[in-house]
Amino acid sequence: MAIEEILVGTVRGPGENPHEFTFITTENARTRVGEFVYYHAADDAAELRIVGTISGRRLVRGLPDSFLSDPQTPPSEVSTLLGLEADNAEIFEIVVETIGYFSEQMNDFINPRIPPGPGQSIYLASNEMLAAMLSPRRAGDTGGAHIGSLLTRRVDEVPIVLSVRDVVSTHLAVLASTGSGKSYLAGVLVEELMKPQNRAAVLIVDPHGEYGTLQDIHRHPAFTDGTYHPEVRIFTPDKIKVRLSSLTEADIVYLLPEMTEKMRTFLSQAYRALINTKGRGERGLWGFNDLLTEVTRQKYGDSDGNNPGNVSTIDGLEWRLRRRFEQSRLFSDHDHLELRDLFRPGQCSVLQLSDIDESEQQVIVGALLRRTNKARMATVRGTTRENDESWLPYPVFIILEESHRYAPAGAKVVSTDILKQILSEGRKFGVGIGMITQRPGKLDQDVLSQCMSQFIMRIVNPIDQQTIASSVEGAGRNLLDELPSLTRGQVIVSGVAINTPVLCQVRPRLTRHGGETIDAPAEWQKYFSAASEADRERRAAPLVKPQPRGGPKVDGIDI
């Protein structure tokens, strides 16, 4: 059956860049920036459809300004007076960036470097053609994540479906200003990961408590196939524990501010002595008193009394250790979050850190990432057994909301190095990272550049726009120019999870969104309504005389 082709214009000639060309058209609505068109070309006797995306447009011929200045005269009447049809009164020059022809065998685009000739016909890509080319998966496919539809077409005409394998293995960045819908989009992605066709093992680090509504998944029919039932577990701050022996020396130093160099030296010596006697990581179990013993032992030098330490310095270090760890509800000698409780296929765990100090959040994330990465490495390499704490026999995906906290640009925090290690090596061991931030300029650029799939939403700040342009390779310059004009729920999707960068309208969530902005005027009105009701009840209550107290009196007055 022949495919009906929609002719929209004629090639004028090459563009300013080698991969560009221009065409002339009278079509306005069908030639928006981000739209897809194609032309025919022959290569080795094969008929190819070379696809491109519209990157720019300008008006070549329009109605005279003197006519347009009169708002009382409709443009259609002016066109008739000039002898022009209303639909053909305006002529546009459209700039197209060539992508290439789509190879079904490779499931990707190939650019044969065959430019169109002047006068060649340009056609609008059909919905069916785009649905087959743009997304590496189909909605409902195993390993597919349906996040929305192509923005330049009607809703659901061209679904945008990502490759979950590529999202998880090569890492993801969600970049957007406040209120653009980044948390909403992240919720949509998690919904797709929890569906029966994916059954992912997901952990969300949630500093604001926005993802608790994902528990709606439990009772929603879209997430079960009759035998599979996903689980969402919420870990509130009172349930989050970090075992002291899982901390590195750098973690402990980071948690003890304003230490002198001598204090750092004594702490380092104590930590090394503790590791030598007790062991390191999962296999070495030690607690606060063990560390304190090694510190205080240095007051008096070695066993022969040589090289006695500075007593006041040791006392200061001991005071700092006690203040941070002795009565801590977070750090424990024995308890911590078990990896097998956090990660399980078909389970989304939400780590709520809203009531925890930011420096402690960074230590929690750093320690958890280290443990997860080591567990996956040990499991893949066969150096751990099924009953060990470090046994983690499946890939995992970790989403870091407000990720600039854990890898800030121009600052050194304890979670940055392990993040860089996972982002560069994690694909080999099945540890995927999703970075979500409202300030890309505040995120470490090495970290951002390692995320090979990107969701970019409305961003107005010029510094953040420049950061994205220099760090994100997948999105074209023409699409990045659209950043300030994107509205809520509109996103540029680029990178390895999609066949070519696209403008996407995010689909509605199946679960409730937990990050809605508070309506301050409505809350103020509610307060006064409640106060007025309470005042009316108080006025309507009968007056009751106070009863005299039955105690001793002095001059007739109760005492």
Protein backbone atom coordinates (compact mmCIF):
# COMPACT_ATOMS: atom_id res chain seq x y z
CA MET A 1 0.00 0.00 0.00
CA ALA A 2 1.49 3.35 -1.05
CA ILE A 3 2.08 5.91 1.68
CA GLU A 4 0.35 9.23 1.07
CA GLU A 5 3.00 11.96 1.01
CA ILE A 6 2.32 15.52 2.19
CA LEU A 7 4.18 18.04 0.03
CA VAL A 8 5.14 21.18 1.98
CA GLY A 9 7.82 22.96 -0.06
CA THR A 10 10.66 23.10 -2.57
CA VAL A 11 14.41 23.10 -1.94
CA ARG A 12 16.04 26.49 -2.42
CA GLY A 13 19.66 25.47 -1.82
CA PRO A 14 22.30 24.68 0.81
CA GLY A 15 22.27 26.36 4.21
CA GLU A 16 25.05 28.13 6.09
CA ASN A 17 26.42 24.85 7.51
CA PRO A 18 27.36 21.70 5.53
CA HIS A 19 24.57 19.63 7.10
CA GLU A 20 21.85 22.21 6.41
CA PHE A 21 19.62 23.13 3.49
CA THR A 22 16.75 25.56 2.97
CA PHE A 23 13.38 25.22 1.29
CA ILE A 24 10.60 27.63 0.35
CA THR A 25 7.02 27.12 1.51
CA THR A 26 3.73 28.88 2.08
CA GLU A 27 2.93 26.47 4.91
CA ASN A 28 3.01 28.11 8.33
CA ALA A 29 1.48 25.72 10.88
CA ARG A 30 3.23 22.63 9.46
CA THR A 31 6.74 24.07 9.40
CA ARG A 32 7.39 24.86 13.06
CA VAL A 33 10.84 24.58 14.64
CA GLY A 34 11.33 20.98 15.78
CA GLU A 35 9.12 19.51 13.04
CA PHE A 36 10.40 16.67 10.82
CA VAL A 37 10.50 16.69 7.00
CA TYR A 38 12.20 14.53 4.35
CA TYR A 39 13.26 14.34 0.73
CA HIS A 40 13.94 11.44 -1.64
CA ALA A 41 17.44 10.34 -2.68
CA ALA A 42 18.93 7.34 -4.45
CA ASP A 43 21.96 5.46 -3.12
CA ASP A 44 23.21 2.26 -4.84
CA ALA A 45 19.86 1.89 -6.59
CA ALA A 46 18.06 2.09 -3.22
CA GLU A 47 15.36 4.70 -2.71
CA LEU A 48 16.02 6.58 0.53
CA ARG A 49 13.97 9.05 2.52
CA ILE A 50 16.46 11.51 4.05
CA VAL A 51 14.96 13.00 7.19
CA GLY A 52 15.77 16.38 8.71
CA THR A 53 14.47 18.57 11.51
CA ILE A 54 13.45 22.21 11.07
CA SER A 55 15.89 24.43 12.95
CA GLY A 56 14.98 27.93 11.74
CA ARG A 57 12.60 29.98 9.61
CA ARG A 58 12.20 33.50 8.28
CA LEU A 59 9.55 35.40 6.36
CA VAL A 60 10.56 35.97 2.74
CA ARG A 61 7.40 37.72 1.56
CA GLY A 62 4.57 39.12 3.60
CA LEU A 63 1.87 41.76 3.41
CA PRO A 64 2.98 45.43 3.34
CA ASP A 65 3.43 46.98 6.77
CA SER A 66 1.10 49.83 5.85
CA PHE A 67 -1.75 47.34 5.40
CA LEU A 68 -0.90 45.36 8.53
CA SER A 69 -0.87 48.54 10.61
CA ASP A 70 -4.65 48.86 10.23
CA PRO A 71 -6.21 46.37 12.69
CA GLN A 72 -9.66 47.00 11.23
CA THR A 73 -8.71 45.49 7.86
CA PRO A 74 -8.49 41.68 7.82
CA PRO A 75 -5.31 40.29 6.11
CA SER A 76 -7.52 38.17 3.82
CA GLU A 77 -9.03 41.33 2.32
CA VAL A 78 -5.58 42.84 1.76
CA SER A 79 -4.46 39.63 0.04
CA THR A 80 -7.47 39.78 -2.29
CA LEU A 81 -6.76 43.40 -3.19
CA LEU A 82 -3.19 42.42 -4.12
CA GLY A 83 -4.42 39.51 -6.22
CA LEU A 84 -3.08 36.87 -3.83
CA GLU A 85 -4.84 33.88 -2.32
CA ALA A 86 -5.13 34.23 1.44
CA ASP A 87 -3.29 30.94 2.08
CA ASN A 88 -0.38 31.89 -0.21
CA ALA A 89 0.11 35.50 0.79
CA GLU A 90 3.13 34.73 2.99
CA ILE A 91 6.24 32.86 1.86
CA PHE A 92 8.76 31.38 4.33
CA GLU A 93 12.34 30.20 4.00
CA ILE A 94 12.85 27.16 6.24
CA VAL A 95 16.24 25.91 7.49
CA VAL A 96 16.57 22.13 7.93
CA GLU A 97 19.32 20.17 9.70
CA THR A 98 19.81 16.81 7.99
CA ILE A 99 19.64 13.73 10.22
CA GLY A 100 19.78 10.92 7.62
CA TYR A 101 17.71 7.93 6.59
CA PHE A 102 16.42 5.44 9.16
CA SER A 103 17.92 1.94 9.05
CA GLU A 104 15.51 -0.66 10.46
CA GLN A 105 18.39 -3.13 10.70
CA MET A 106 20.45 -0.82 12.93
CA ASN A 107 17.40 0.87 14.50
CA ASP A 108 19.14 4.20 14.05
CA PHE A 109 19.72 7.02 11.59
CA ILE A 110 22.51 6.95 8.97
CA ASN A 111 23.58 10.09 7.11
CA PRO A 112 24.61 9.20 3.52
CA ARG A 113 25.81 12.76 2.83
CA ILE A 114 23.48 13.20 -0.15
CA PRO A 115 22.21 16.81 -0.15
CA PRO A 116 18.98 17.72 -1.92
CA GLY A 117 19.14 19.63 -5.19
CA PRO A 118 17.44 22.97 -5.85
CA GLY A 119 13.82 22.50 -6.85
CA GLN A 120 13.55 19.11 -5.11
CA SER A 121 10.29 18.41 -3.27
CA ILE A 122 10.16 18.41 0.54
CA TYR A 123 7.54 16.34 2.36
CA LEU A 124 6.18 16.39 5.91
CA ALA A 125 7.01 13.18 7.81
CA SER A 126 3.84 11.26 8.69
CA ASN A 127 2.90 10.20 12.22
CA GLU A 128 3.46 6.53 11.37
CA MET A 129 6.87 7.27 9.91
CA LEU A 130 7.97 9.26 12.98
CA ALA A 131 6.64 6.71 15.46
CA ALA A 132 8.73 4.03 13.76
CA MET A 133 11.89 6.15 13.56
CA LEU A 134 12.19 8.39 16.60
CA SER A 135 11.77 5.93 19.47
CA PRO A 136 13.96 2.84 19.87
CA ARG A 137 11.05 1.03 21.59
CA ARG A 138 7.26 0.89 21.32
CA ALA A 139 4.83 1.63 24.13
CA GLY A 140 4.35 -1.55 26.17
CA ASP A 141 7.54 -3.21 24.89
CA THR A 142 9.87 -4.85 27.38
CA GLY A 143 12.59 -2.30 28.07
CA GLY A 144 10.48 0.64 26.88
CA ALA A 145 9.46 3.75 28.83
CA HIS A 146 6.62 5.81 27.33
CA ILE A 147 7.15 9.33 28.70
CA GLY A 148 4.97 11.41 26.36
CA SER A 149 4.39 12.39 22.74
CA LEU A 150 6.01 14.53 20.05
CA LEU A 151 5.30 18.19 20.81
CA THR A 152 4.79 19.27 17.19
CA ARG A 153 1.92 16.79 16.69
CA ARG A 154 -1.36 16.20 18.51
CA VAL A 155 -1.16 14.40 21.83
CA ASP A 156 -0.47 10.66 21.47
CA GLU A 157 -0.13 10.81 17.66
CA VAL A 158 3.63 10.13 17.91
CA PRO A 159 4.53 8.44 21.23
CA ILE A 160 8.03 9.04 22.62
CA VAL A 161 9.32 5.78 24.10
CA LEU A 162 12.82 5.56 25.59
CA SER A 163 15.17 2.61 25.83
CA VAL A 164 15.31 1.77 29.55
CA ARG A 165 18.50 -0.21 29.03
CA ASP A 166 20.29 2.88 27.71
CA VAL A 167 18.81 5.20 30.36
CA VAL A 168 20.02 2.96 33.18
CA SER A 169 23.38 1.88 31.81
CA THR A 170 24.61 5.24 30.51
CA HIS A 171 23.00 7.49 33.15
CA LEU A 172 20.44 10.28 32.92
CA ALA A 173 20.31 14.03 33.64
CA VAL A 174 17.05 15.94 34.20
CA LEU A 175 17.75 19.67 33.96
CA ALA A 176 15.06 22.29 34.57
CA SER A 177 14.22 25.49 36.39
CA THR A 178 11.94 25.44 39.43
CA GLY A 179 8.32 24.85 38.43
CA SER A 180 9.11 23.42 34.98
CA GLY A 181 7.96 19.93 35.94
CA LYS A 182 11.22 18.03 36.51
CA SER A 183 9.94 16.08 39.53
CA TYR A 184 6.71 15.36 37.65
CA LEU A 185 8.76 14.00 34.73
CA ALA A 186 10.88 11.92 37.11
CA GLY A 187 7.65 10.47 38.54
CA VAL A 188 6.52 9.52 35.03
CA LEU A 189 9.84 7.76 34.41
CA VAL A 190 9.60 5.86 37.71
CA GLU A 191 6.06 4.79 36.82
CA GLU A 192 7.37 3.34 33.56
CA LEU A 193 10.20 1.56 35.38
CA MET A 194 7.72 -0.03 37.78
CA LYS A 195 5.39 -1.38 35.10
CA PRO A 196 5.30 -5.13 34.36
CA GLN A 197 7.43 -4.79 31.21
CA ASN A 198 10.38 -3.39 33.23
CA ARG A 199 10.13 -4.39 36.94
CA ALA A 200 13.15 -2.26 37.83
CA ALA A 201 15.08 -1.98 41.10
CA VAL A 202 14.93 1.78 41.84
CA LEU A 203 16.10 3.97 44.71
CA ILE A 204 15.12 7.67 44.94
CA VAL A 205 17.08 10.04 47.18
CA ASP A 206 14.35 12.54 48.07
CA PRO A 207 15.46 15.66 50.02
CA HIS A 208 12.01 17.30 49.98
CA GLY A 209 9.56 14.43 50.51
CA GLU A 210 8.02 14.79 47.04
CA TYR A 211 7.89 11.15 46.00
CA GLY A 212 5.77 9.60 48.76
CA THR A 213 2.71 9.71 46.47
CA LEU A 214 4.30 6.95 44.36
CA GLN A 215 2.68 4.59 46.86
CA ASP A 216 -0.46 5.02 44.72
CA ILE A 217 1.21 2.42 42.50
CA HIS A 218 0.10 -0.28 44.96
CA ARG A 219 -3.57 -0.01 44.06
CA HIS A 220 -3.36 1.13 40.43
CA PRO A 221 -4.30 -1.51 37.82
CA ALA A 222 -1.79 -0.18 35.25
CA PHE A 223 1.10 -1.60 37.30
CA THR A 224 0.04 -5.23 37.56
CA ASP A 225 -0.39 -8.07 35.09
CA GLY A 226 -2.15 -10.35 37.58
CA THR A 227 0.99 -12.01 38.94
CA TYR A 228 3.38 -9.08 39.27
CA HIS A 229 2.67 -6.46 41.95
CA PRO A 230 5.28 -3.68 42.40
CA GLU A 231 6.17 -2.35 45.83
CA VAL A 232 7.02 1.18 46.96
CA ARG A 233 8.85 1.50 50.29
CA ILE A 234 9.27 4.84 52.04
CA PHE A 235 12.26 5.22 54.39
CA THR A 236 11.56 8.20 56.67
CA PRO A 237 14.47 9.99 58.42
CA ASP A 238 13.91 8.09 61.69
CA LYS A 239 14.46 4.78 59.84
CA ILE A 240 17.69 5.82 58.11
CA LYS A 241 20.83 4.49 59.78
CA VAL A 242 24.48 4.61 58.73
CA ARG A 243 26.90 2.13 60.25
CA LEU A 244 30.03 3.90 61.46
CA SER A 245 32.34 1.24 60.04
CA SER A 246 31.00 2.03 56.53
CA LEU A 247 32.43 5.56 56.76
CA THR A 248 35.79 6.45 55.30
CA GLU A 249 38.32 8.68 57.01
CA ALA A 250 37.28 11.47 54.63
CA ASP A 251 33.63 11.05 55.70
CA ILE A 252 34.53 11.44 59.39
CA VAL A 253 36.72 14.48 58.72
CA TYR A 254 33.90 16.04 56.68
CA LEU A 255 31.50 15.63 59.60
CA LEU A 256 33.90 17.27 62.07
CA PRO A 257 34.26 20.94 61.07
CA GLU A 258 36.93 23.35 62.23
CA MET A 259 39.58 20.75 62.99
CA THR A 260 43.23 21.75 63.21
CA GLU A 261 45.91 19.96 61.23
CA LYS A 262 47.12 18.26 64.41
CA MET A 263 43.60 16.96 65.08
CA ARG A 264 43.41 15.60 61.53
CA THR A 265 46.74 13.85 62.03
CA PHE A 266 45.64 12.17 65.28
CA LEU A 267 42.30 11.17 63.74
CA SER A 268 44.06 9.69 60.71
CA GLN A 269 46.42 7.66 62.90
CA ALA A 270 43.50 6.41 65.00
CA TYR A 271 41.47 5.47 61.93
CA ARG A 272 44.35 3.55 60.33
CA ALA A 273 45.02 1.68 63.58
CA LEU A 274 41.33 0.78 63.80
CA ILE A 275 41.23 -0.50 60.21
CA ASN A 276 44.37 -2.57 60.76
CA THR A 277 42.86 -4.32 63.78
CA LYS A 278 39.15 -4.50 62.89
CA GLY A 279 39.10 -4.53 59.09
CA ARG A 280 37.47 -2.32 56.46
CA GLY A 281 33.99 -1.92 55.00
CA GLU A 282 31.36 -4.68 55.24
CA ARG A 283 33.81 -7.20 56.68
CA GLY A 284 35.16 -4.91 59.41
CA LEU A 285 32.73 -4.04 62.21
CA TRP A 286 33.69 -1.35 64.69
CA GLY A 287 31.87 1.34 66.60
CA PHE A 288 32.17 4.75 68.21
CA ASN A 289 33.92 3.56 71.37
CA ASP A 290 36.50 1.67 69.31
CA LEU A 291 37.37 4.86 67.42
CA LEU A 292 37.40 6.92 70.60
CA THR A 293 39.74 4.42 72.27
CA GLU A 294 42.25 4.70 69.44
CA VAL A 295 42.09 8.50 69.63
CA THR A 296 42.55 8.79 73.39
CA ARG A 297 45.35 6.21 73.38
CA GLN A 298 47.52 8.77 71.59
CA LYS A 299 47.45 11.09 74.59
CA TYR A 300 50.19 9.06 76.18
CA GLY A 301 52.27 8.07 73.16
CA ASP A 302 53.14 4.48 72.28
CA SER A 303 53.38 1.52 74.67
CA ASP A 304 56.84 2.70 75.83
CA GLY A 305 55.63 6.24 76.43
CA ASN A 306 57.44 7.64 73.42
CA ASN A 307 56.06 10.54 71.35
CA PRO A 308 53.24 11.48 73.73
CA GLY A 309 50.48 13.43 71.99
CA ASN A 310 49.22 16.89 72.68
CA VAL A 311 46.62 16.38 75.40
CA SER A 312 44.62 19.52 74.67
CA THR A 313 44.48 18.66 70.96
CA ILE A 314 43.30 15.13 71.69
CA ASP A 315 40.71 16.47 74.14
CA GLY A 316 39.42 18.84 71.44
CA LEU A 317 39.20 15.99 68.93
CA GLU A 318 37.44 13.78 71.49
CA TRP A 319 34.90 16.53 72.20
CA ARG A 320 34.12 16.88 68.47
CA LEU A 321 33.70 13.13 68.05
CA ARG A 322 31.36 12.91 71.02
CA ARG A 323 29.27 15.87 69.87
CA ARG A 324 28.79 14.35 66.40
CA PHE A 325 28.45 10.62 67.06
CA GLU A 326 27.79 9.75 70.71
CA GLN A 327 24.07 10.58 70.81
CA SER A 328 23.45 10.50 67.07
CA ARG A 329 20.16 9.00 65.83
CA LEU A 330 21.68 8.62 62.37
CA PHE A 331 25.05 6.94 62.94
CA SER A 332 25.08 3.54 64.60
CA ASP A 333 27.62 0.94 65.70
CA HIS A 334 25.62 -1.94 64.21
CA ASP A 335 22.51 -0.85 62.27
CA HIS A 336 22.35 0.41 58.71
CA LEU A 337 20.13 0.16 55.65
CA GLU A 338 20.57 -3.29 54.15
CA LEU A 339 21.09 -3.29 50.40
CA ARG A 340 18.67 -6.19 50.03
CA ASP A 341 15.97 -4.04 51.68
CA LEU A 342 16.69 -1.02 49.48
CA PHE A 343 17.06 -2.81 46.16
CA ARG A 344 14.81 -5.47 44.73
CA PRO A 345 13.39 -5.91 41.20
CA GLY A 346 9.85 -4.53 41.15
CA GLN A 347 10.54 -2.28 44.15
CA CYS A 348 10.97 1.49 44.33
CA SER A 349 12.57 2.69 47.56
CA VAL A 350 12.27 6.35 48.55
CA LEU A 351 14.91 7.69 50.94
CA GLN A 352 13.38 10.79 52.56
CA LEU A 353 16.17 13.08 53.82
CA SER A 354 14.06 16.18 54.49
CA ASP A 355 14.90 16.48 58.21
CA ILE A 356 18.59 15.63 57.90
CA ASP A 357 21.44 18.15 57.81
CA GLU A 358 22.90 18.70 54.31
CA SER A 359 26.42 17.59 55.26
CA GLU A 360 24.95 14.39 56.73
CA GLN A 361 22.88 13.91 53.54
CA GLN A 362 26.10 14.03 51.53
CA VAL A 363 27.73 11.44 53.78
CA ILE A 364 24.64 9.19 53.60
CA VAL A 365 24.62 9.35 49.79
CA GLY A 366 28.38 8.87 49.51
CA ALA A 367 28.41 5.85 51.84
CA LEU A 368 25.37 4.29 50.15
CA LEU A 369 26.81 4.76 46.65
CA ARG A 370 30.12 3.20 47.75
CA ARG A 371 28.40 0.19 49.29
CA THR A 372 26.17 -0.31 46.24
CA ASN A 373 29.03 0.00 43.77
CA LYS A 374 31.27 -2.38 45.74
CA ALA A 375 28.43 -4.89 46.07
CA ARG A 376 27.74 -4.89 42.33
CA MET A 377 31.45 -5.17 41.53
CA ALA A 378 31.89 -8.06 43.96
CA THR A 379 28.77 -9.85 42.66
CA VAL A 380 29.74 -9.47 38.99
CA ARG A 381 33.29 -10.63 39.71
CA GLY A 382 32.11 -13.55 41.81
CA THR A 383 33.97 -12.51 44.97
CA THR A 384 30.89 -12.50 47.21
CA ARG A 385 28.34 -15.16 48.10
CA GLU A 386 24.56 -15.19 48.28
CA ASN A 387 24.31 -14.79 52.07
CA ASP A 388 26.81 -11.94 52.27
CA GLU A 389 25.66 -8.35 52.89
CA SER A 390 27.41 -7.34 49.68
CA TRP A 391 25.42 -9.78 47.50
CA LEU A 392 23.47 -7.73 44.90
CA PRO A 393 22.65 -9.98 41.92
CA TYR A 394 20.75 -7.48 39.69
CA PRO A 395 21.32 -4.01 38.19
CA VAL A 396 20.00 -1.00 40.09
CA PHE A 397 19.00 2.58 39.22
CA ILE A 398 19.51 5.43 41.72
CA ILE A 399 17.78 8.81 41.24
CA LEU A 400 19.37 11.79 43.03
CA GLU A 401 16.95 14.69 43.41
CA GLU A 402 18.74 18.05 43.92
CA SER A 403 21.90 16.33 42.65
CA HIS A 404 23.99 19.52 42.79
CA ARG A 405 24.10 18.91 46.55
CA TYR A 406 26.08 15.72 46.05
CA ALA A 407 28.45 16.92 43.30
CA PRO A 408 28.60 20.73 43.48
CA ALA A 409 30.70 22.69 41.01
CA GLY A 410 33.81 24.26 42.51
CA ALA A 411 33.41 22.59 45.91
CA LYS A 412 34.69 19.37 47.43
CA VAL A 413 32.15 17.13 49.16
CA VAL A 414 32.49 13.48 50.14
CA SER A 415 29.95 12.18 47.62
CA THR A 416 31.53 13.70 44.48
CA ASP A 417 34.36 11.21 43.91
CA ILE A 418 32.22 8.07 44.18
CA LEU A 419 29.63 9.66 41.88
CA LYS A 420 32.33 10.29 39.27
CA GLN A 421 33.56 6.72 39.62
CA ILE A 422 30.09 5.22 39.14
CA LEU A 423 29.29 7.51 36.21
CA SER A 424 32.48 6.47 34.43
CA GLU A 425 32.49 2.76 35.35
CA GLY A 426 28.97 1.93 36.54
CA ARG A 427 27.71 0.62 33.19
CA LYS A 428 30.09 -2.36 33.48
CA PHE A 429 28.59 -3.37 36.82
CA GLY A 430 24.94 -2.35 36.46
CA VAL A 431 24.74 0.77 38.63
CA GLY A 432 22.76 3.52 36.88
CA ILE A 433 22.42 7.11 38.10
CA GLY A 434 19.70 9.68 37.40
CA MET A 435 20.71 13.26 38.21
CA ILE A 436 17.93 15.84 38.75
CA THR A 437 18.79 19.49 39.31
CA GLN A 438 17.26 22.94 38.89
CA ARG A 439 20.70 24.59 38.64
CA PRO A 440 22.94 22.86 36.06
CA GLY A 441 25.52 25.62 36.54
CA LYS A 442 25.99 24.50 40.15
CA LEU A 443 26.54 20.85 39.18
CA ASP A 444 30.06 19.51 38.62
CA GLN A 445 30.65 19.60 34.87
CA ASP A 446 32.51 16.28 34.77
CA VAL A 447 29.51 14.66 36.42
CA LEU A 448 27.03 16.28 34.02
CA SER A 449 29.04 15.35 30.93
CA GLN A 450 28.95 11.65 31.92
CA CYS A 451 25.13 11.52 31.70
CA MET A 452 24.52 10.27 28.17
CA SER A 453 20.73 10.77 28.14
CA GLN A 454 19.23 14.16 28.90
CA PHE A 455 15.81 15.57 29.74
CA ILE A 456 16.08 19.37 29.41
CA MET A 457 13.12 21.54 30.38
CA ARG A 458 12.56 25.30 30.62
CA ILE A 459 15.73 27.12 31.74
CA VAL A 460 16.00 30.92 31.77
CA ASN A 461 19.26 31.52 33.65
CA PRO A 462 22.01 32.31 31.06
CA ILE A 463 24.72 30.57 33.12
CA ASP A 464 22.66 27.37 33.25
CA GLN A 465 21.96 27.61 29.51
CA GLN A 466 25.68 28.00 28.80
CA THR A 467 26.47 25.03 31.04
CA ILE A 468 24.06 22.83 29.14
CA ALA A 469 25.37 23.97 25.75
CA SER A 470 28.97 23.15 26.75
CA SER A 471 28.31 19.91 28.65
CA VAL A 472 25.40 18.22 26.86
CA GLU A 473 26.46 16.83 23.49
CA GLY A 474 23.23 15.11 22.44
CA ALA A 475 20.95 18.12 22.01
CA GLY A 476 21.26 20.28 18.91
CA ARG A 477 21.90 24.00 19.17
CA ASN A 478 18.55 24.78 17.56
CA LEU A 479 16.66 22.87 20.24
CA LEU A 480 18.65 24.48 23.06
CA ASP A 481 17.57 27.86 21.71
CA GLU A 482 14.02 26.79 22.59
CA LEU A 483 14.79 26.46 26.33
CA PRO A 484 13.38 29.83 27.50
CA SER A 485 10.14 29.35 25.54
CA LEU A 486 9.30 25.85 26.79
CA THR A 487 6.25 25.71 29.05
CA ARG A 488 5.57 23.36 31.95
CA GLY A 489 5.63 19.71 30.92
CA GLN A 490 7.54 20.33 27.67
CA VAL A 491 10.98 18.74 27.46
CA ILE A 492 13.86 18.29 25.05
CA VAL A 493 14.79 14.59 25.04
CA SER A 494 18.24 13.78 23.70
CA GLY A 495 21.06 11.28 24.03
CA VAL A 496 21.45 7.54 23.62
CA ALA A 497 17.99 6.62 24.94
CA ILE A 498 16.31 8.18 21.87
CA ASN A 499 17.21 7.88 18.18
CA THR A 500 17.39 11.65 17.64
CA PRO A 501 16.69 14.71 19.84
CA VAL A 502 12.99 15.58 20.01
CA LEU A 503 10.62 18.06 21.63
CA CYS A 504 8.25 16.08 23.84
CA GLN A 505 5.06 16.79 25.78
CA VAL A 506 5.21 14.75 29.01
CA ARG A 507 2.26 12.39 29.47
CA PRO A 508 -0.07 12.72 32.51
CA ARG A 509 1.03 10.82 35.60
CA LEU A 510 -0.91 7.79 36.77
CA THR A 511 -0.05 8.53 40.41
CA ARG A 512 -0.46 11.81 42.26
CA HIS A 513 2.28 14.41 42.06
CA GLY A 514 3.81 15.28 45.43
CA GLY A 515 5.71 18.41 44.45
CA GLU A 516 2.90 20.90 43.76
CA THR A 517 3.56 24.54 44.64
CA ILE A 518 1.69 25.72 47.73
CA ASP A 519 -1.12 28.20 46.96
CA ALA A 520 -0.27 30.84 49.57
CA PRO A 521 -3.35 33.11 49.07
CA ALA A 522 -5.67 30.10 49.35
CA GLU A 523 -3.96 28.98 52.56
CA TRP A 524 -4.26 32.49 54.03
CA GLN A 525 -7.97 32.59 53.17
CA LYS A 526 -8.43 29.16 54.74
CA TYR A 527 -6.77 30.37 57.95
CA PHE A 528 -9.10 33.35 58.28
CA SER A 529 -12.13 31.23 57.45
CA ALA A 530 -11.18 28.81 60.21
CA ALA A 531 -10.41 31.68 62.60
CA SER A 532 -13.78 33.32 61.85
CA GLU A 533 -15.62 30.05 62.45
CA ALA A 534 -13.83 29.56 65.76
CA ASP A 535 -14.64 33.16 66.74
CA ARG A 536 -18.34 32.66 65.91
CA GLU A 537 -18.43 29.48 68.02
CA ARG A 538 -16.77 31.30 70.90
CA ARG A 539 -19.31 34.14 70.74
CA ALA A 540 -22.23 31.72 70.56
CA ALA A 541 -21.09 29.75 73.64
CA PRO A 542 -23.02 30.57 76.88
CA LEU A 543 -21.18 32.70 79.40
CA VAL A 544 -20.12 30.58 82.39
CA LYS A 545 -19.07 32.28 85.60
CA PRO A 546 -15.71 31.08 86.94
CA GLN A 547 -16.13 28.91 90.03
CA PRO A 548 -14.33 30.08 93.19
CA ARG A 549 -11.33 28.00 94.12
CA GLY A 550 -11.58 26.13 97.34
CA GLY A 551 -8.27 27.11 98.96
CA PRO A 552 -7.12 29.34 101.78
CA LYS A 553 -7.84 33.03 101.44
CA VAL A 554 -6.03 36.14 102.58
CA ASP A 555 -8.27 39.19 102.84
CA GLY A 556 -10.89 37.34 100.78
CA ILE A 557 -8.48 36.57 97.89
CA ASP A 558 -7.60 33.03 96.77
CA ILE A 559 -3.95 32.12 97.29
